[in-house]
Amino acid sequence: MAEQISKRNEEEHSTAMSILDATESGNPDNTKGLIHDIVDRLFMDAGVEKERVSQRGEPYSIADEAYNEFASWFDYPRD
């Protein structure tokens, strides 16, 4: 759906445009910057803390894992 609105006003569809930009970037290092606001909003709306601590006491971020999954989505084999 985001591709269908790519020629419309970017401000009106900022979430879609951010996702398109992140998808078309080709640079996984840019992904976090391009979709950071979206991920923050999703966690805030869900009432979920994105920063966690493992049973071993090591801090980690669920959001960082979301960025990594998004960046590698097209690397998964297709059936």
Protein backbone atom coordinates (compact mmCIF):
# COMPACT_ATOMS: atom_id res chain seq x y z
CA MET A 1 0.00 0.00 0.00
CA ALA A 2 2.86 2.36 0.78
CA GLU A 3 4.10 2.14 -2.80
CA GLN A 4 0.68 3.18 -4.06
CA ILE A 5 0.85 6.44 -2.12
CA SER A 6 4.48 7.25 -2.89
CA LYS A 7 3.52 10.18 -5.12
CA ARG A 8 1.22 11.75 -2.56
CA ASN A 9 2.09 14.36 0.05
CA GLU A 10 4.95 13.02 2.21
CA GLU A 11 3.81 14.85 5.34
CA GLU A 12 0.34 13.34 5.07
CA HIS A 13 1.80 9.82 4.91
CA SER A 14 4.98 10.18 6.92
CA THR A 15 4.84 6.66 8.35
CA ALA A 16 4.47 5.11 4.91
CA MET A 17 7.19 7.33 3.47
CA SER A 18 9.56 6.46 6.32
CA ILE A 19 9.01 2.76 5.70
CA LEU A 20 9.52 3.19 1.95
CA ASP A 21 12.70 5.17 2.51
CA ALA A 22 14.03 2.55 4.91
CA THR A 23 13.18 -0.24 2.47
CA GLU A 24 14.78 1.52 -0.48
CA SER A 25 17.82 2.68 1.46
CA GLY A 26 19.83 -0.48 0.90
CA ASN A 27 21.93 0.44 3.93
CA PRO A 28 20.94 -1.39 7.14
CA ASP A 29 22.80 1.24 9.17
CA ASN A 30 20.25 3.86 8.02
CA THR A 31 17.23 1.78 8.99
CA LYS A 32 17.15 2.81 12.65
CA GLY A 33 17.20 6.51 11.81
CA LEU A 34 14.48 6.18 9.22
CA ILE A 35 11.98 4.19 11.29
CA HIS A 36 12.99 5.16 14.84
CA ASP A 37 9.96 7.42 15.40
CA ILE A 38 7.59 4.70 14.18
CA VAL A 39 9.09 2.05 16.46
CA ASP A 40 9.07 4.43 19.44
CA ARG A 41 5.41 5.22 18.85
CA LEU A 42 4.46 1.55 18.53
CA PHE A 43 6.13 0.70 21.84
CA MET A 44 4.60 3.75 23.54
CA ASP A 45 1.10 2.96 22.23
CA ALA A 46 1.44 -0.68 23.32
CA GLY A 47 2.65 0.35 26.78
CA VAL A 48 5.72 -1.86 26.40
CA GLU A 49 9.22 -0.98 27.56
CA LYS A 50 11.69 -1.48 24.76
CA GLU A 51 14.70 -1.71 27.04
CA ARG A 52 15.02 -4.99 28.94
CA VAL A 53 17.49 -6.85 31.13
CA SER A 54 18.28 -10.52 30.53
CA GLN A 55 18.30 -13.11 33.29
CA ARG A 56 22.09 -12.70 33.34
CA GLY A 57 21.69 -8.99 34.03
CA GLU A 58 22.69 -7.85 30.53
CA PRO A 59 20.70 -4.94 29.09
CA TYR A 60 19.23 -5.28 25.60
CA SER A 61 16.72 -3.49 23.42
CA ILE A 62 13.71 -5.08 21.77
CA ALA A 63 13.61 -2.05 19.46
CA ASP A 64 17.14 -2.77 18.23
CA GLU A 65 16.04 -6.28 17.35
CA ALA A 66 13.07 -4.83 15.45
CA TYR A 67 15.44 -2.61 13.43
CA ASN A 68 17.65 -5.61 12.66
CA GLU A 69 14.67 -7.71 11.55
CA PHE A 70 13.37 -4.92 9.33
CA ALA A 71 16.79 -4.38 7.75
CA SER A 72 17.25 -8.08 7.00
CA TRP A 73 13.67 -8.82 5.91
CA PHE A 74 14.52 -9.07 2.20
CA ASP A 75 17.49 -11.33 2.95
CA TYR A 76 15.21 -14.20 3.96
CA PRO A 77 14.83 -16.94 1.36
CA ARG A 78 11.60 -16.89 -0.64
CA ASP A 79 9.71 -20.10 -1.32
